[in-house]
Amino acid sequence: MEDVLDVYTRPYDPSRPQVCMDEISTQLLRDTRPPLPLRPGHPAREDYEYERGGVVNVFLFCAPLGGQRWADVTARRTRVDWAHQIKALVDVRYPDAERIVLVMDNLNTHGPASLYEAFPAEEAKRLADKLEIHHTPKHGSWLNMAEIELSVLRRQCLDRRVPDHAALQAEVTAWQDRRNADARPIRWRFTTADARIKLQRLYPTNHE
């Protein structure tokens, strides 16, 4: 926990950008009947019945100090899917960075081994060497600032029926572009000093 909190105290450094990453599964739902639009004196209406369209995954990355985030909808959430997201992070988002300081939860797909499963060894090592990985502790995913962005995404974008992959990607892209236009950084205020007071029960106790 303190390792991640220390990362959040670092000042902005374009050569070592801080990035938080998280992901969420979401179900695609299709209307069985066309909804009735708004009209004077009547709210919009939709049938309570719907068709399930399967489950997709949303990868979300955010740069809290730069006020930017981006999301990608994928059919699955395998090691290879994660590895391709990291390749895009390194080669497309931050091609000039010396190292990318990456905060994420300790899911079994979130690690250098996934890169070696997806790419030849030389390429996997090149990508791994670009990363400075900091995992949030078990039961400590709330320390990941990407989870804050996912919470906003759920409320603003995923609280309605979305019928298919393409429609969800369009919704998510519109959401990220709107938030990125504001370019508001996330101001993290929970410090190591706070943790040692408020979460004192989690620290080992020395008995004489």
N, C-alpha and C. Protein backbone atom coordinates (compact mmCIF):
# COMPACT_ATOMS: atom_id res chain seq x y z
N MET A 1 0.82 -1.20 0.00
CA MET A 1 0.00 0.00 0.00
C MET A 1 0.86 1.26 0.00
N GLU A 2 1.86 1.29 0.89
CA GLU A 2 2.69 2.49 0.97
C GLU A 2 3.51 2.69 -0.30
N ASP A 3 3.82 1.60 -0.98
CA ASP A 3 4.54 1.71 -2.24
C ASP A 3 3.72 2.51 -3.25
N VAL A 4 2.44 2.19 -3.38
CA VAL A 4 1.58 2.91 -4.32
C VAL A 4 1.38 4.36 -3.87
N LEU A 5 1.20 4.56 -2.59
CA LEU A 5 1.01 5.93 -2.08
C LEU A 5 2.25 6.78 -2.33
N ASP A 6 3.41 6.19 -2.22
CA ASP A 6 4.64 6.94 -2.52
C ASP A 6 4.70 7.34 -3.99
N VAL A 7 4.24 6.46 -4.86
CA VAL A 7 4.21 6.79 -6.29
C VAL A 7 3.35 8.03 -6.53
N TYR A 8 2.24 8.11 -5.82
CA TYR A 8 1.31 9.22 -6.04
C TYR A 8 1.86 10.57 -5.55
N THR A 9 2.94 10.55 -4.79
CA THR A 9 3.53 11.82 -4.35
C THR A 9 4.56 12.34 -5.34
N ARG A 10 4.90 11.57 -6.34
CA ARG A 10 5.91 12.01 -7.30
C ARG A 10 5.37 13.16 -8.17
N PRO A 11 6.20 14.14 -8.48
CA PRO A 11 5.76 15.23 -9.36
C PRO A 11 5.67 14.74 -10.80
N TYR A 12 5.00 15.52 -11.62
CA TYR A 12 4.85 15.18 -13.04
C TYR A 12 6.21 15.14 -13.72
N ASP A 13 6.47 14.07 -14.44
CA ASP A 13 7.72 13.90 -15.17
C ASP A 13 7.38 13.28 -16.52
N PRO A 14 7.46 14.04 -17.61
CA PRO A 14 7.08 13.49 -18.92
C PRO A 14 7.93 12.32 -19.36
N SER A 15 9.14 12.19 -18.82
CA SER A 15 9.98 11.06 -19.20
C SER A 15 9.60 9.79 -18.44
N ARG A 16 8.86 9.94 -17.32
CA ARG A 16 8.40 8.81 -16.52
C ARG A 16 6.93 9.03 -16.16
N PRO A 17 6.05 8.99 -17.15
CA PRO A 17 4.63 9.28 -16.88
C PRO A 17 4.00 8.25 -15.96
N GLN A 18 3.11 8.72 -15.10
CA GLN A 18 2.35 7.84 -14.22
C GLN A 18 1.05 7.46 -14.92
N VAL A 19 0.76 6.18 -14.93
CA VAL A 19 -0.46 5.67 -15.56
C VAL A 19 -1.09 4.65 -14.64
N CYS A 20 -2.41 4.74 -14.48
CA CYS A 20 -3.15 3.74 -13.71
C CYS A 20 -4.03 2.96 -14.68
N MET A 21 -4.17 1.67 -14.43
CA MET A 21 -4.91 0.81 -15.34
C MET A 21 -5.87 -0.08 -14.57
N ASP A 22 -7.07 -0.27 -15.12
CA ASP A 22 -8.04 -1.19 -14.54
C ASP A 22 -8.92 -1.70 -15.67
N GLU A 23 -9.75 -2.66 -15.38
CA GLU A 23 -10.64 -3.20 -16.39
C GLU A 23 -11.94 -3.66 -15.74
N ILE A 24 -12.98 -3.77 -16.58
CA ILE A 24 -14.29 -4.17 -16.08
C ILE A 24 -15.03 -4.93 -17.17
N SER A 25 -15.76 -5.95 -16.77
CA SER A 25 -16.62 -6.66 -17.70
C SER A 25 -18.00 -6.01 -17.71
N THR A 26 -18.61 -5.96 -18.87
CA THR A 26 -19.95 -5.39 -18.96
C THR A 26 -20.78 -6.20 -19.94
N GLN A 27 -22.06 -6.32 -19.64
CA GLN A 27 -22.95 -7.15 -20.47
C GLN A 27 -23.62 -6.30 -21.54
N LEU A 28 -23.68 -6.82 -22.74
CA LEU A 28 -24.38 -6.16 -23.83
C LEU A 28 -25.85 -6.58 -23.78
N LEU A 29 -26.74 -5.60 -23.90
CA LEU A 29 -28.18 -5.85 -23.82
C LEU A 29 -28.88 -5.19 -25.00
N ARG A 30 -29.72 -5.96 -25.69
CA ARG A 30 -30.46 -5.44 -26.83
C ARG A 30 -31.94 -5.35 -26.49
N ASP A 31 -32.58 -4.29 -26.97
CA ASP A 31 -34.03 -4.14 -26.80
C ASP A 31 -34.76 -5.16 -27.66
N THR A 32 -35.82 -5.77 -27.10
CA THR A 32 -36.65 -6.67 -27.90
C THR A 32 -37.67 -5.90 -28.72
N ARG A 33 -38.01 -4.69 -28.28
CA ARG A 33 -38.91 -3.81 -29.01
C ARG A 33 -38.31 -2.41 -29.02
N PRO A 34 -38.50 -1.67 -30.11
CA PRO A 34 -37.94 -0.30 -30.15
C PRO A 34 -38.50 0.55 -29.01
N PRO A 35 -37.66 1.28 -28.29
CA PRO A 35 -38.17 2.16 -27.22
C PRO A 35 -38.99 3.31 -27.80
N LEU A 36 -39.90 3.82 -26.98
CA LEU A 36 -40.72 4.96 -27.38
C LEU A 36 -40.00 6.24 -26.96
N PRO A 37 -39.77 7.16 -27.89
CA PRO A 37 -39.01 8.38 -27.54
C PRO A 37 -39.83 9.36 -26.71
N LEU A 38 -39.15 10.37 -26.22
CA LEU A 38 -39.82 11.44 -25.48
C LEU A 38 -40.86 12.12 -26.37
N ARG A 39 -41.98 12.51 -25.76
CA ARG A 39 -42.94 13.38 -26.42
C ARG A 39 -43.62 14.23 -25.36
N PRO A 40 -44.22 15.33 -25.74
CA PRO A 40 -44.78 16.25 -24.74
C PRO A 40 -45.69 15.54 -23.74
N GLY A 41 -45.35 15.70 -22.47
CA GLY A 41 -46.16 15.12 -21.40
C GLY A 41 -45.90 13.66 -21.12
N HIS A 42 -44.96 13.05 -21.85
CA HIS A 42 -44.69 11.62 -21.66
C HIS A 42 -43.18 11.38 -21.65
N PRO A 43 -42.69 10.61 -20.69
CA PRO A 43 -41.24 10.30 -20.66
C PRO A 43 -40.91 9.24 -21.72
N ALA A 44 -39.64 9.08 -21.98
CA ALA A 44 -39.20 7.99 -22.85
C ALA A 44 -39.54 6.65 -22.18
N ARG A 45 -39.88 5.66 -22.99
CA ARG A 45 -40.26 4.36 -22.45
C ARG A 45 -39.50 3.25 -23.17
N GLU A 46 -39.12 2.22 -22.39
CA GLU A 46 -38.51 1.05 -22.98
C GLU A 46 -39.12 -0.19 -22.36
N ASP A 47 -39.22 -1.24 -23.14
CA ASP A 47 -39.78 -2.50 -22.66
C ASP A 47 -38.86 -3.10 -21.62
N TYR A 48 -39.45 -3.72 -20.61
CA TYR A 48 -38.61 -4.30 -19.56
C TYR A 48 -37.90 -5.55 -20.05
N GLU A 49 -38.36 -6.15 -21.14
CA GLU A 49 -37.69 -7.32 -21.67
C GLU A 49 -36.49 -6.90 -22.54
N TYR A 50 -35.47 -7.73 -22.51
CA TYR A 50 -34.29 -7.46 -23.33
C TYR A 50 -33.61 -8.77 -23.70
N GLU A 51 -32.71 -8.70 -24.68
CA GLU A 51 -31.94 -9.86 -25.10
C GLU A 51 -30.49 -9.68 -24.67
N ARG A 52 -29.90 -10.73 -24.16
CA ARG A 52 -28.49 -10.67 -23.76
C ARG A 52 -27.61 -10.82 -25.01
N GLY A 53 -26.63 -9.95 -25.11
CA GLY A 53 -25.74 -9.96 -26.26
C GLY A 53 -24.33 -10.42 -25.94
N GLY A 54 -24.16 -11.04 -24.78
CA GLY A 54 -22.83 -11.49 -24.39
C GLY A 54 -22.13 -10.48 -23.50
N VAL A 55 -20.92 -10.82 -23.10
CA VAL A 55 -20.13 -9.99 -22.19
C VAL A 55 -18.85 -9.56 -22.88
N VAL A 56 -18.49 -8.29 -22.72
CA VAL A 56 -17.23 -7.77 -23.25
C VAL A 56 -16.44 -7.15 -22.11
N ASN A 57 -15.21 -6.80 -22.42
CA ASN A 57 -14.32 -6.22 -21.41
C ASN A 57 -13.94 -4.80 -21.80
N VAL A 58 -13.82 -3.93 -20.82
CA VAL A 58 -13.38 -2.56 -21.06
C VAL A 58 -12.07 -2.35 -20.31
N PHE A 59 -10.98 -2.13 -21.05
CA PHE A 59 -9.71 -1.73 -20.46
C PHE A 59 -9.70 -0.21 -20.33
N LEU A 60 -9.33 0.29 -19.16
CA LEU A 60 -9.27 1.73 -18.96
C LEU A 60 -7.91 2.12 -18.38
N PHE A 61 -7.28 3.08 -19.01
CA PHE A 61 -6.03 3.65 -18.54
C PHE A 61 -6.27 5.13 -18.25
N CYS A 62 -5.61 5.66 -17.23
CA CYS A 62 -5.68 7.10 -16.99
C CYS A 62 -4.32 7.61 -16.53
N ALA A 63 -4.03 8.83 -16.95
CA ALA A 63 -2.82 9.53 -16.52
C ALA A 63 -3.29 10.61 -15.55
N PRO A 64 -3.30 10.32 -14.25
CA PRO A 64 -3.93 11.23 -13.30
C PRO A 64 -3.31 12.62 -13.26
N LEU A 65 -2.01 12.74 -13.47
CA LEU A 65 -1.38 14.06 -13.41
C LEU A 65 -1.61 14.86 -14.68
N GLY A 66 -1.91 14.17 -15.77
CA GLY A 66 -2.17 14.86 -17.03
C GLY A 66 -3.63 15.04 -17.34
N GLY A 67 -4.50 14.45 -16.52
CA GLY A 67 -5.93 14.61 -16.73
C GLY A 67 -6.44 13.93 -17.98
N GLN A 68 -5.79 12.84 -18.40
CA GLN A 68 -6.20 12.13 -19.60
C GLN A 68 -6.55 10.69 -19.26
N ARG A 69 -7.47 10.13 -20.06
CA ARG A 69 -7.82 8.73 -19.92
C ARG A 69 -8.22 8.19 -21.28
N TRP A 70 -8.10 6.88 -21.45
CA TRP A 70 -8.54 6.24 -22.68
C TRP A 70 -9.01 4.84 -22.36
N ALA A 71 -9.97 4.38 -23.14
CA ALA A 71 -10.59 3.09 -22.88
C ALA A 71 -10.75 2.33 -24.19
N ASP A 72 -10.66 1.00 -24.08
CA ASP A 72 -10.77 0.15 -25.25
C ASP A 72 -11.65 -1.05 -24.91
N VAL A 73 -12.61 -1.34 -25.77
CA VAL A 73 -13.52 -2.47 -25.58
C VAL A 73 -12.96 -3.68 -26.31
N THR A 74 -12.83 -4.80 -25.60
CA THR A 74 -12.32 -6.03 -26.21
C THR A 74 -13.30 -7.17 -25.94
N ALA A 75 -13.24 -8.17 -26.79
CA ALA A 75 -14.16 -9.30 -26.64
C ALA A 75 -13.81 -10.14 -25.42
N ARG A 76 -12.53 -10.12 -25.03
CA ARG A 76 -12.08 -10.96 -23.92
C ARG A 76 -11.12 -10.18 -23.03
N ARG A 77 -10.70 -10.83 -21.94
CA ARG A 77 -9.75 -10.20 -21.02
C ARG A 77 -8.61 -11.16 -20.70
N THR A 78 -8.02 -11.75 -21.71
CA THR A 78 -6.96 -12.74 -21.54
C THR A 78 -5.61 -12.06 -21.36
N ARG A 79 -4.59 -12.88 -21.12
CA ARG A 79 -3.22 -12.38 -21.03
C ARG A 79 -2.81 -11.66 -22.33
N VAL A 80 -3.19 -12.26 -23.45
CA VAL A 80 -2.81 -11.68 -24.74
C VAL A 80 -3.51 -10.34 -24.95
N ASP A 81 -4.77 -10.24 -24.56
CA ASP A 81 -5.48 -8.96 -24.68
C ASP A 81 -4.77 -7.87 -23.87
N TRP A 82 -4.40 -8.22 -22.63
CA TRP A 82 -3.70 -7.23 -21.80
C TRP A 82 -2.36 -6.86 -22.42
N ALA A 83 -1.65 -7.84 -22.95
CA ALA A 83 -0.34 -7.58 -23.54
C ALA A 83 -0.44 -6.60 -24.71
N HIS A 84 -1.46 -6.74 -25.52
CA HIS A 84 -1.62 -5.82 -26.66
C HIS A 84 -1.99 -4.41 -26.17
N GLN A 85 -2.70 -4.32 -25.06
CA GLN A 85 -2.97 -2.99 -24.48
C GLN A 85 -1.67 -2.34 -24.02
N ILE A 86 -0.77 -3.13 -23.44
CA ILE A 86 0.51 -2.59 -22.98
C ILE A 86 1.37 -2.16 -24.16
N LYS A 87 1.35 -2.93 -25.22
CA LYS A 87 2.12 -2.54 -26.41
C LYS A 87 1.64 -1.19 -26.95
N ALA A 88 0.33 -0.99 -26.97
CA ALA A 88 -0.21 0.30 -27.41
C ALA A 88 0.19 1.41 -26.45
N LEU A 89 0.20 1.11 -25.16
CA LEU A 89 0.60 2.09 -24.15
C LEU A 89 2.03 2.55 -24.39
N VAL A 90 2.92 1.59 -24.66
CA VAL A 90 4.34 1.89 -24.83
C VAL A 90 4.62 2.55 -26.18
N ASP A 91 4.08 1.98 -27.24
CA ASP A 91 4.48 2.40 -28.59
C ASP A 91 3.62 3.52 -29.17
N VAL A 92 2.40 3.65 -28.69
CA VAL A 92 1.49 4.66 -29.25
C VAL A 92 1.30 5.83 -28.28
N ARG A 93 1.01 5.51 -27.03
CA ARG A 93 0.71 6.58 -26.06
C ARG A 93 1.97 7.30 -25.59
N TYR A 94 3.02 6.53 -25.27
CA TYR A 94 4.23 7.13 -24.69
C TYR A 94 5.49 6.60 -25.37
N PRO A 95 5.63 6.81 -26.67
CA PRO A 95 6.80 6.26 -27.37
C PRO A 95 8.12 6.88 -26.95
N ASP A 96 8.10 8.09 -26.39
CA ASP A 96 9.33 8.78 -26.02
C ASP A 96 9.67 8.66 -24.53
N ALA A 97 8.85 7.96 -23.77
CA ALA A 97 9.09 7.84 -22.33
C ALA A 97 10.25 6.91 -22.05
N GLU A 98 11.04 7.26 -21.03
CA GLU A 98 12.11 6.36 -20.59
C GLU A 98 11.52 5.13 -19.91
N ARG A 99 10.62 5.36 -18.98
CA ARG A 99 9.89 4.30 -18.29
C ARG A 99 8.47 4.79 -18.05
N ILE A 100 7.52 3.88 -18.02
CA ILE A 100 6.13 4.19 -17.70
C ILE A 100 5.84 3.62 -16.33
N VAL A 101 5.46 4.47 -15.40
CA VAL A 101 5.15 4.05 -14.03
C VAL A 101 3.70 3.58 -14.02
N LEU A 102 3.50 2.28 -13.95
CA LEU A 102 2.17 1.69 -14.14
C LEU A 102 1.63 1.13 -12.83
N VAL A 103 0.48 1.63 -12.41
CA VAL A 103 -0.21 1.16 -11.21
C VAL A 103 -1.42 0.34 -11.65
N MET A 104 -1.56 -0.85 -11.10
CA MET A 104 -2.70 -1.71 -11.45
C MET A 104 -2.88 -2.76 -10.37
N ASP A 105 -4.00 -3.47 -10.41
CA ASP A 105 -4.21 -4.52 -9.42
C ASP A 105 -3.41 -5.76 -9.78
N ASN A 106 -3.38 -6.70 -8.85
CA ASN A 106 -2.49 -7.86 -8.98
C ASN A 106 -3.20 -9.05 -9.62
N LEU A 107 -3.97 -8.80 -10.67
CA LEU A 107 -4.63 -9.87 -11.40
C LEU A 107 -3.57 -10.73 -12.10
N ASN A 108 -3.86 -12.02 -12.25
CA ASN A 108 -2.84 -12.92 -12.78
C ASN A 108 -2.46 -12.61 -14.23
N THR A 109 -3.29 -11.87 -14.95
CA THR A 109 -2.95 -11.51 -16.33
C THR A 109 -2.10 -10.24 -16.40
N HIS A 110 -1.97 -9.52 -15.29
CA HIS A 110 -1.29 -8.23 -15.27
C HIS A 110 0.18 -8.39 -14.87
N GLY A 111 1.00 -8.84 -15.79
CA GLY A 111 2.41 -9.00 -15.47
C GLY A 111 3.23 -9.32 -16.71
N PRO A 112 4.56 -9.23 -16.59
CA PRO A 112 5.44 -9.47 -17.73
C PRO A 112 5.24 -10.83 -18.39
N ALA A 113 4.82 -11.85 -17.64
CA ALA A 113 4.62 -13.18 -18.23
C ALA A 113 3.61 -13.12 -19.37
N SER A 114 2.63 -12.23 -19.27
CA SER A 114 1.63 -12.10 -20.34
C SER A 114 2.26 -11.57 -21.62
N LEU A 115 3.26 -10.71 -21.48
CA LEU A 115 3.94 -10.18 -22.66
C LEU A 115 4.67 -11.29 -23.39
N TYR A 116 5.29 -12.21 -22.64
CA TYR A 116 6.01 -13.31 -23.26
C TYR A 116 5.06 -14.32 -23.90
N GLU A 117 3.82 -14.38 -23.41
CA GLU A 117 2.84 -15.26 -24.04
C GLU A 117 2.33 -14.68 -25.36
N ALA A 118 2.32 -13.35 -25.46
CA ALA A 118 1.76 -12.70 -26.64
C ALA A 118 2.78 -12.41 -27.73
N PHE A 119 4.05 -12.18 -27.34
CA PHE A 119 5.05 -11.71 -28.30
C PHE A 119 6.33 -12.56 -28.22
N PRO A 120 7.16 -12.49 -29.26
CA PRO A 120 8.47 -13.12 -29.17
C PRO A 120 9.26 -12.56 -27.99
N ALA A 121 10.20 -13.35 -27.49
CA ALA A 121 10.91 -13.00 -26.25
C ALA A 121 11.58 -11.64 -26.34
N GLU A 122 12.20 -11.32 -27.48
CA GLU A 122 12.91 -10.04 -27.60
C GLU A 122 11.93 -8.86 -27.49
N GLU A 123 10.78 -8.99 -28.14
CA GLU A 123 9.78 -7.93 -28.08
C GLU A 123 9.17 -7.83 -26.69
N ALA A 124 8.90 -8.97 -26.08
CA ALA A 124 8.33 -8.96 -24.73
C ALA A 124 9.27 -8.28 -23.75
N LYS A 125 10.57 -8.56 -23.85
CA LYS A 125 11.53 -7.93 -22.94
C LYS A 125 11.61 -6.44 -23.19
N ARG A 126 11.56 -6.03 -24.46
CA ARG A 126 11.58 -4.59 -24.76
C ARG A 126 10.43 -3.86 -24.08
N LEU A 127 9.25 -4.46 -24.16
CA LEU A 127 8.07 -3.84 -23.54
C LEU A 127 8.17 -3.88 -22.01
N ALA A 128 8.59 -5.00 -21.47
CA ALA A 128 8.70 -5.14 -20.01
C ALA A 128 9.70 -4.14 -19.45
N ASP A 129 10.80 -3.90 -20.17
CA ASP A 129 11.82 -2.98 -19.69
C ASP A 129 11.34 -1.53 -19.68
N LYS A 130 10.25 -1.26 -20.38
CA LYS A 130 9.69 0.10 -20.41
C LYS A 130 8.76 0.37 -19.22
N LEU A 131 8.47 -0.67 -18.45
CA LEU A 131 7.48 -0.55 -17.38
C LEU A 131 8.12 -0.55 -16.00
N GLU A 132 7.63 0.31 -15.14
CA GLU A 132 7.91 0.26 -13.70
C GLU A 132 6.57 -0.06 -13.03
N ILE A 133 6.37 -1.32 -12.69
CA ILE A 133 5.05 -1.79 -12.26
C ILE A 133 4.90 -1.69 -10.75
N HIS A 134 3.76 -1.17 -10.32
CA HIS A 134 3.39 -1.10 -8.90
C HIS A 134 1.99 -1.70 -8.77
N HIS A 135 1.90 -2.84 -8.07
CA HIS A 135 0.62 -3.50 -7.87
C HIS A 135 -0.06 -2.99 -6.60
N THR A 136 -1.36 -2.78 -6.68
CA THR A 136 -2.11 -2.50 -5.46
C THR A 136 -2.21 -3.79 -4.65
N PRO A 137 -2.28 -3.70 -3.31
CA PRO A 137 -2.33 -4.92 -2.49
C PRO A 137 -3.67 -5.63 -2.62
N LYS A 138 -3.72 -6.86 -2.18
CA LYS A 138 -4.96 -7.61 -2.16
C LYS A 138 -5.99 -6.87 -1.31
N HIS A 139 -7.21 -6.79 -1.81
CA HIS A 139 -8.31 -6.04 -1.18
C HIS A 139 -8.02 -4.54 -1.13
N GLY A 140 -7.06 -4.08 -1.93
CA GLY A 140 -6.73 -2.66 -1.93
C GLY A 140 -6.88 -2.01 -3.29
N SER A 141 -7.81 -2.51 -4.11
CA SER A 141 -7.98 -1.95 -5.45
C SER A 141 -8.44 -0.50 -5.41
N TRP A 142 -9.00 -0.06 -4.26
CA TRP A 142 -9.44 1.33 -4.13
C TRP A 142 -8.26 2.30 -4.21
N LEU A 143 -7.05 1.77 -4.08
CA LEU A 143 -5.86 2.62 -4.21
C LEU A 143 -5.53 2.94 -5.67
N ASN A 144 -6.19 2.27 -6.59
CA ASN A 144 -5.94 2.48 -8.00
C ASN A 144 -6.84 3.60 -8.52
N MET A 145 -6.23 4.69 -8.98
CA MET A 145 -7.04 5.82 -9.45
C MET A 145 -7.84 5.50 -10.70
N ALA A 146 -7.45 4.47 -11.44
CA ALA A 146 -8.25 4.06 -12.60
C ALA A 146 -9.61 3.55 -12.16
N GLU A 147 -9.70 3.04 -10.92
CA GLU A 147 -10.99 2.58 -10.42
C GLU A 147 -11.95 3.76 -10.25
N ILE A 148 -11.42 4.93 -9.92
CA ILE A 148 -12.26 6.13 -9.83
C ILE A 148 -12.85 6.45 -11.20
N GLU A 149 -12.01 6.38 -12.22
CA GLU A 149 -12.49 6.65 -13.58
C GLU A 149 -13.51 5.60 -14.01
N LEU A 150 -13.29 4.35 -13.65
CA LEU A 150 -14.27 3.32 -14.00
C LEU A 150 -15.61 3.56 -13.32
N SER A 151 -15.57 4.07 -12.10
CA SER A 151 -16.81 4.40 -11.39
C SER A 151 -17.58 5.48 -12.14
N VAL A 152 -16.86 6.49 -12.62
CA VAL A 152 -17.50 7.55 -13.41
C VAL A 152 -18.05 6.97 -14.71
N LEU A 153 -17.27 6.11 -15.35
CA LEU A 153 -17.71 5.48 -16.60
C LEU A 153 -18.99 4.68 -16.38
N ARG A 154 -19.06 3.93 -15.29
CA ARG A 154 -20.27 3.16 -15.01
C ARG A 154 -21.49 4.06 -14.90
N ARG A 155 -21.35 5.16 -14.16
CA ARG A 155 -22.49 6.04 -13.92
C ARG A 155 -22.91 6.81 -15.17
N GLN A 156 -21.95 7.20 -15.98
CA GLN A 156 -22.24 8.09 -17.10
C GLN A 156 -22.42 7.38 -18.43
N CYS A 157 -21.96 6.14 -18.52
CA CYS A 157 -21.95 5.49 -19.83
C CYS A 157 -22.51 4.08 -19.81
N LEU A 158 -22.34 3.35 -18.72
CA LEU A 158 -22.73 1.94 -18.68
C LEU A 158 -24.03 1.70 -17.95
N ASP A 159 -24.77 2.76 -17.66
CA ASP A 159 -26.02 2.63 -16.91
C ASP A 159 -27.23 2.51 -17.84
N ARG A 160 -27.01 2.07 -19.07
CA ARG A 160 -28.08 1.93 -20.05
C ARG A 160 -27.83 0.68 -20.89
N ARG A 161 -28.80 0.31 -21.66
CA ARG A 161 -28.63 -0.84 -22.54
C ARG A 161 -27.80 -0.46 -23.76
N VAL A 162 -26.76 -1.23 -23.99
CA VAL A 162 -25.91 -1.04 -25.18
C VAL A 162 -25.94 -2.35 -25.95
N PRO A 163 -26.30 -2.32 -27.24
CA PRO A 163 -26.60 -3.57 -27.94
C PRO A 163 -25.42 -4.39 -28.42
N ASP A 164 -24.30 -3.73 -28.78
CA ASP A 164 -23.21 -4.50 -29.37
C ASP A 164 -21.86 -3.84 -29.10
N HIS A 165 -20.81 -4.54 -29.50
CA HIS A 165 -19.44 -4.10 -29.27
C HIS A 165 -19.18 -2.73 -29.86
N ALA A 166 -19.56 -2.53 -31.13
CA ALA A 166 -19.29 -1.26 -31.81
C ALA A 166 -20.00 -0.10 -31.13
N ALA A 167 -21.24 -0.32 -30.71
CA ALA A 167 -21.98 0.75 -30.05
C ALA A 167 -21.35 1.11 -28.71
N LEU A 168 -20.88 0.09 -27.97
CA LEU A 168 -20.24 0.36 -26.69
C LEU A 168 -18.94 1.12 -26.88
N GLN A 169 -18.13 0.72 -27.87
CA GLN A 169 -16.88 1.43 -28.12
C GLN A 169 -17.15 2.88 -28.49
N ALA A 170 -18.20 3.13 -29.29
CA ALA A 170 -18.55 4.51 -29.65
C ALA A 170 -18.95 5.31 -28.43
N GLU A 171 -19.73 4.71 -27.53
CA GLU A 171 -20.15 5.38 -26.30
C GLU A 171 -18.95 5.70 -25.42
N VAL A 172 -18.08 4.70 -25.25
CA VAL A 172 -16.91 4.87 -24.39
C VAL A 172 -15.95 5.91 -24.95
N THR A 173 -15.76 5.91 -26.26
CA THR A 173 -14.87 6.88 -26.89
C THR A 173 -15.42 8.30 -26.73
N ALA A 174 -16.72 8.46 -26.91
CA ALA A 174 -17.32 9.79 -26.72
C ALA A 174 -17.16 10.25 -25.28
N TRP A 175 -17.31 9.33 -24.34
CA TRP A 175 -17.15 9.66 -22.91
C TRP A 175 -15.72 10.10 -22.62
N GLN A 176 -14.71 9.34 -23.11
CA GLN A 176 -13.33 9.68 -22.82
C GLN A 176 -12.95 11.01 -23.48
N ASP A 177 -13.42 11.26 -24.69
CA ASP A 177 -13.09 12.51 -25.38
C ASP A 177 -13.66 13.72 -24.64
N ARG A 178 -14.87 13.55 -24.11
CA ARG A 178 -15.49 14.64 -23.37
C ARG A 178 -14.72 14.94 -22.09
N ARG A 179 -14.30 13.90 -21.38
CA ARG A 179 -13.55 14.12 -20.14
C ARG A 179 -12.14 14.62 -20.42
N ASN A 180 -11.53 14.13 -21.49
CA ASN A 180 -10.18 14.57 -21.82
C ASN A 180 -10.15 16.03 -22.25
N ALA A 181 -11.24 16.51 -22.80
CA ALA A 181 -11.29 17.92 -23.21
C ALA A 181 -11.14 18.84 -22.01
N ASP A 182 -11.60 18.40 -20.84
CA ASP A 182 -11.45 19.20 -19.62
C ASP A 182 -10.04 19.12 -19.06
N ALA A 183 -9.36 18.00 -19.31
CA ALA A 183 -7.97 17.78 -18.87
C ALA A 183 -7.78 18.08 -17.38
N ARG A 184 -8.69 17.60 -16.58
CA ARG A 184 -8.60 17.83 -15.14
C ARG A 184 -7.82 16.71 -14.46
N PRO A 185 -6.74 17.04 -13.78
CA PRO A 185 -5.98 15.99 -13.09
C PRO A 185 -6.73 15.47 -11.87
N ILE A 186 -6.37 14.26 -11.45
CA ILE A 186 -6.92 13.70 -10.21
C ILE A 186 -6.00 14.11 -9.07
N ARG A 187 -6.55 14.73 -8.06
CA ARG A 187 -5.76 15.17 -6.90
C ARG A 187 -5.93 14.15 -5.78
N TRP A 188 -4.98 13.28 -5.66
CA TRP A 188 -5.02 12.22 -4.65
C TRP A 188 -4.57 12.79 -3.31
N ARG A 189 -5.40 12.63 -2.28
CA ARG A 189 -5.11 13.25 -0.98
C ARG A 189 -4.82 12.26 0.13
N PHE A 190 -5.05 10.97 -0.11
CA PHE A 190 -4.80 9.98 0.94
C PHE A 190 -3.32 9.63 0.93
N THR A 191 -2.63 9.94 2.01
CA THR A 191 -1.17 9.81 2.07
C THR A 191 -0.76 8.62 2.95
N THR A 192 0.53 8.35 2.95
CA THR A 192 1.07 7.31 3.82
C THR A 192 0.82 7.64 5.29
N ALA A 193 0.96 8.91 5.66
CA ALA A 193 0.69 9.33 7.04
C ALA A 193 -0.76 9.04 7.40
N ASP A 194 -1.68 9.31 6.48
CA ASP A 194 -3.10 9.01 6.73
C ASP A 194 -3.30 7.51 6.92
N ALA A 195 -2.64 6.71 6.07
CA ALA A 195 -2.79 5.26 6.15
C ALA A 195 -2.33 4.73 7.50
N ARG A 196 -1.24 5.26 8.02
CA ARG A 196 -0.70 4.76 9.28
C ARG A 196 -1.59 5.11 10.46
N ILE A 197 -2.45 6.10 10.29
CA ILE A 197 -3.40 6.46 11.34
C ILE A 197 -4.73 5.74 11.15
N LYS A 198 -5.32 5.90 9.97
CA LYS A 198 -6.67 5.37 9.73
C LYS A 198 -6.69 3.86 9.54
N LEU A 199 -5.59 3.29 9.07
CA LEU A 199 -5.53 1.84 8.83
C LEU A 199 -4.52 1.18 9.76
N GLN A 200 -4.42 1.71 10.94
CA GLN A 200 -3.42 1.21 11.89
C GLN A 200 -3.60 -0.28 12.18
N ARG A 201 -4.84 -0.75 12.12
CA ARG A 201 -5.11 -2.16 12.43
C ARG A 201 -4.47 -3.11 11.43
N LEU A 202 -4.12 -2.62 10.26
CA LEU A 202 -3.52 -3.46 9.24
C LEU A 202 -2.01 -3.59 9.39
N TYR A 203 -1.43 -2.80 10.25
CA TYR A 203 0.04 -2.83 10.43
C TYR A 203 0.38 -3.81 11.53
N PRO A 204 1.50 -4.51 11.40
CA PRO A 204 1.91 -5.45 12.46
C PRO A 204 2.22 -4.72 13.75
N THR A 205 1.97 -5.38 14.86
CA THR A 205 2.22 -4.80 16.18
C THR A 205 3.37 -5.56 16.85
N ASN A 206 4.32 -4.82 17.37
CA ASN A 206 5.46 -5.41 18.08
C ASN A 206 5.15 -5.45 19.57
N HIS A 207 5.27 -6.60 20.15
CA HIS A 207 5.01 -6.75 21.58
C HIS A 207 6.34 -7.05 22.28
N GLU A 208 6.62 -6.29 23.32
CA GLU A 208 7.85 -6.51 24.07
C GLU A 208 7.66 -7.63 25.10
